[in-house]
C-alpha atoms as a PDB file:
ATOM      1  CA  MET A   1       0.000   0.000   0.000  1.00  0.00           C
ATOM      2  CA  VAL A   2       2.738   2.494   0.953  1.00  0.00           C
ATOM      3  CA  SER A   3       4.656   1.693  -2.230  1.00  0.00           C
ATOM      4  CA  ASN A   4       1.556   2.310  -4.410  1.00  0.00           C
ATOM      5  CA  ILE A   5       0.819   5.676  -2.817  1.00  0.00           C
ATOM      6  CA  CYS A   6       4.510   6.608  -2.902  1.00  0.00           C
ATOM      7  CA  GLN A   7       4.655   5.842  -6.626  1.00  0.00           C
ATOM      8  CA  ARG A   8       1.430   7.815  -7.217  1.00  0.00           C
ATOM      9  CA  LEU A   9       3.001  10.772  -5.425  1.00  0.00           C
ATOM     10  CA  ILE A  10       6.171  10.575  -7.533  1.00  0.00           C
ATOM     11  CA  ASN A  11       4.118  10.231 -10.737  1.00  0.00           C
ATOM     12  CA  LYS A  12       1.974  13.290  -9.983  1.00  0.00           C
ATOM     13  CA  VAL A  13       2.604  16.456 -11.950  1.00  0.00           C
ATOM     14  CA  TRP A  14       4.235  19.251  -9.979  1.00  0.00           C
ATOM     15  CA  ARG A  15       2.070  22.305  -9.297  1.00  0.00           C
ATOM     16  CA  SER A  16       3.160  25.837  -8.513  1.00  0.00           C
ATOM     17  CA  TYR A  17       3.223  26.540  -4.773  1.00  0.00           C
ATOM     18  CA  ALA A  18       2.661  30.234  -5.511  1.00  0.00           C
ATOM     19  CA  SER A  19      -0.394  29.892  -7.762  1.00  0.00           C
ATOM     20  CA  ASP A  20      -1.902  26.414  -7.187  1.00  0.00           C
ATOM     21  CA  LEU A  21      -2.064  26.256  -3.395  1.00  0.00           C
ATOM     22  CA  ASP A  22      -5.833  26.788  -3.528  1.00  0.00           C
ATOM     23  CA  LYS A  23      -6.122  23.501  -5.462  1.00  0.00           C
ATOM     24  CA  ALA A  24      -4.707  21.492  -2.551  1.00  0.00           C
ATOM     25  CA  PRO A  25      -7.453  19.612  -0.715  1.00  0.00           C
ATOM     26  CA  HIS A  26      -8.665  20.055   2.833  1.00  0.00           C
ATOM     27  CA  ALA A  27      -8.005  16.335   3.292  1.00  0.00           C
ATOM     28  CA  GLU A  28      -5.523  14.002   4.979  1.00  0.00           C
ATOM     29  CA  GLY A  29      -2.573  12.790   2.972  1.00  0.00           C
ATOM     30  CA  ILE A  30       1.065  12.948   2.013  1.00  0.00           C
ATOM     31  CA  TYR A  31       2.472  15.988   0.243  1.00  0.00           C
ATOM     32  CA  THR A  32       5.842  17.053  -1.050  1.00  0.00           C
ATOM     33  CA  ILE A  33       7.527  20.363  -1.681  1.00  0.00           C
ATOM     34  CA  GLY A  34      10.057  20.701  -4.472  1.00  0.00           C
ATOM     35  CA  LEU A  35      12.360  23.361  -5.838  1.00  0.00           C
ATOM     36  CA  GLU A  36      12.764  23.981  -9.549  1.00  0.00           C
ATOM     37  CA  VAL A  37      16.390  23.971 -10.585  1.00  0.00           C
ATOM     38  CA  PRO A  38      17.973  24.635 -14.006  1.00  0.00           C
ATOM     39  CA  ASP A  39      16.679  22.596 -16.971  1.00  0.00           C
ATOM     40  CA  ASP A  40      13.160  22.646 -15.455  1.00  0.00           C
ATOM     41  CA  GLU A  41      14.025  19.759 -13.137  1.00  0.00           C
ATOM     42  CA  VAL A  42      12.411  19.721  -9.684  1.00  0.00           C
ATOM     43  CA  VAL A  43      14.349  18.529  -6.636  1.00  0.00           C
ATOM     44  CA  TYR A  44      12.352  17.112  -3.729  1.00  0.00           C
ATOM     45  CA  ILE A  45      12.930  19.288  -0.658  1.00  0.00           C
ATOM     46  CA  TYR A  46      10.386  17.892   1.809  1.00  0.00           C
ATOM     47  CA  VAL A  47       7.895  15.049   2.232  1.00  0.00           C
ATOM     48  CA  GLY A  48       5.238  15.483   4.901  1.00  0.00           C
ATOM     49  CA  HIS A  49       1.882  14.365   6.217  1.00  0.00           C
ATOM     50  CA  SER A  50      -1.112  16.429   7.245  1.00  0.00           C
ATOM     51  CA  ASN A  51      -4.715  15.850   8.166  1.00  0.00           C
ATOM     52  CA  ASP A  52      -5.437  18.992   6.097  1.00  0.00           C
ATOM     53  CA  ILE A  53      -2.965  19.304   3.235  1.00  0.00           C
ATOM     54  CA  ARG A  54      -3.965  22.830   2.138  1.00  0.00           C
ATOM     55  CA  ARG A  55      -3.872  24.212   5.685  1.00  0.00           C
ATOM     56  CA  ARG A  56      -0.424  22.698   6.295  1.00  0.00           C
ATOM     57  CA  LEU A  57       0.988  24.064   3.045  1.00  0.00           C
ATOM     58  CA  GLN A  58      -0.316  27.503   4.024  1.00  0.00           C
ATOM     59  CA  GLU A  59       1.300  27.135   7.466  1.00  0.00           C
ATOM     60  CA  HIS A  60       4.705  26.512   5.897  1.00  0.00           C
ATOM     61  CA  LYS A  61       4.624  30.179   4.846  1.00  0.00           C
ATOM     62  CA  ARG A  62       4.447  31.425   8.454  1.00  0.00           C
ATOM     63  CA  LYS A  63       5.702  28.813  10.954  1.00  0.00           C
ATOM     64  CA  ASP A  64       9.303  28.334  12.125  1.00  0.00           C
ATOM     65  CA  LEU A  65      10.467  24.801  11.312  1.00  0.00           C
ATOM     66  CA  ASP A  66      13.396  24.447   8.894  1.00  0.00           C
ATOM     67  CA  ILE A  67      11.054  23.696   5.986  1.00  0.00           C
ATOM     68  CA  ASP A  68       8.890  26.685   6.939  1.00  0.00           C
ATOM     69  CA  ASN A  69      11.911  28.979   6.957  1.00  0.00           C
ATOM     70  CA  PHE A  70      13.010  27.607   3.587  1.00  0.00           C
ATOM     71  CA  VAL A  71       9.554  28.247   2.096  1.00  0.00           C
ATOM     72  CA  LYS A  72       9.379  31.750   3.602  1.00  0.00           C
ATOM     73  CA  GLU A  73      12.815  32.563   2.188  1.00  0.00           C
ATOM     74  CA  GLN A  74      11.776  31.388  -1.285  1.00  0.00           C
ATOM     75  CA  PHE A  75       8.688  33.611  -1.128  1.00  0.00           C
ATOM     76  CA  ARG A  76      10.855  36.514   0.037  1.00  0.00           C
ATOM     77  CA  LEU A  77      13.372  35.970  -2.766  1.00  0.00           C
ATOM     78  CA  ASN A  78      11.047  35.394  -5.721  1.00  0.00           C
ATOM     79  CA  GLU A  79       7.445  35.128  -4.478  1.00  0.00           C
ATOM     80  CA  GLY A  80       7.800  31.338  -4.386  1.00  0.00           C
ATOM     81  CA  GLN A  81       8.000  31.079  -8.171  1.00  0.00           C
ATOM     82  CA  LYS A  82      10.476  28.164  -8.030  1.00  0.00           C
ATOM     83  CA  LEU A  83       8.593  26.181  -5.370  1.00  0.00           C
ATOM     84  CA  ARG A  84       6.498  23.206  -6.458  1.00  0.00           C
ATOM     85  CA  ILE A  85       3.990  21.027  -4.612  1.00  0.00           C
ATOM     86  CA  LYS A  86       2.103  17.793  -5.124  1.00  0.00           C
ATOM     87  CA  TRP A  87       0.080  15.503  -2.904  1.00  0.00           C
ATOM     88  CA  VAL A  88      -1.847  12.261  -2.586  1.00  0.00           C
ATOM     89  CA  GLU A  89      -4.865  11.940  -0.338  1.00  0.00           C
ATOM     90  CA  ASP A  90      -4.629   9.006   2.082  1.00  0.00           C
ATOM     91  CA  LYS A  91      -6.780   8.620   5.193  1.00  0.00           C
ATOM     92  CA  ASP A  92      -4.262   6.498   7.100  1.00  0.00           C
ATOM     93  CA  SER A  93      -1.050   8.267   6.148  1.00  0.00           C
ATOM     94  CA  LYS A  94      -0.075   9.565   9.619  1.00  0.00           C
ATOM     95  CA  CYS A  95       1.161   6.203  10.883  1.00  0.00           C
ATOM     96  CA  ALA A  96       3.126   5.603   7.659  1.00  0.00           C
ATOM     97  CA  GLU A  97       4.785   9.014   7.172  1.00  0.00           C
ATOM     98  CA  GLY A  98       8.268   7.600   7.770  1.00  0.00           C
ATOM     99  CA  GLU A  99       7.573   4.750   5.373  1.00  0.00           C
ATOM    100  CA  TYR A 100       6.574   7.228   2.651  1.00  0.00           C
ATOM    101  CA  LEU A 101       9.781   9.182   3.209  1.00  0.00           C
ATOM    102  CA  ASP A 102      11.845   5.984   3.009  1.00  0.00           C
ATOM    103  CA  CYS A 103      10.012   4.964  -0.153  1.00  0.00           C
ATOM    104  CA  VAL A 104      10.591   8.349  -1.819  1.00  0.00           C
ATOM    105  CA  HIS A 105      14.264   8.158  -0.824  1.00  0.00           C
ATOM    106  CA  LYS A 106      14.650   4.707  -2.376  1.00  0.00           C
ATOM    107  CA  LYS A 107      12.866   5.652  -5.606  1.00  0.00           C
ATOM    108  CA  LEU A 108      14.691   8.991  -6.047  1.00  0.00           C
ATOM    109  CA  GLY A 109      18.095   7.975  -4.728  1.00  0.00           C
ATOM    110  CA  TYR A 110      18.395  10.966  -2.373  1.00  0.00           C
ATOM    111  CA  TRP A 111      16.802  12.339   0.791  1.00  0.00           C
ATOM    112  CA  PRO A 112      14.669  15.493   0.647  1.00  0.00           C
ATOM    113  CA  ALA A 113      16.921  18.181   2.142  1.00  0.00           C
ATOM    114  CA  CYS A 114      14.491  19.577   4.737  1.00  0.00           C
ATOM    115  CA  ASN A 115      13.238  16.341   6.279  1.00  0.00           C
ATOM    116  CA  LYS A 116      14.530  16.096   9.854  1.00  0.00           C
ATOM    117  CA  LYS A 117      14.342  12.304   9.906  1.00  0.00           C
ATOM    118  CA  ARG A 118      18.024  12.142   8.981  1.00  0.00           C
ATOM    119  CA  GLY A 119      18.928  15.244  10.940  1.00  0.00           C
ATOM    120  CA  ASN A 120      19.777  17.334   7.861  1.00  0.00           C
ATOM    121  CA  GLU A 121      18.738  20.926   7.727  1.00  0.00           C
ATOM    122  CA  CYS A 122      17.663  22.935   4.708  1.00  0.00           C
ATOM    123  CA  GLU A 123      20.550  24.283   2.728  1.00  0.00           C
END
């Protein structure tokens, strides 16, 4: 089950954090934040869980965790134009958040920079 949802998340099309946030659902699930780099590639920065995906993505713009500070800085620098988001709704995702992160890591070959699970901080 985790692997299916993880693959669905990876297969989703990236959306603009700056202009598509209102399309995020008020539902439980797994979401990811990415940063567009040269050649229109998007690097995964964070994988998270929320019982209200849209609310949590909005909170990243004003809270004080490492990922929140990274998002705020991107909005300060360029109105968030290089930030990307995508999500998958899943009612039982809270208990499997770490499994989703591990799955994304295995499929991508790298850890999202702002996930604290490994102790790394945003760069």
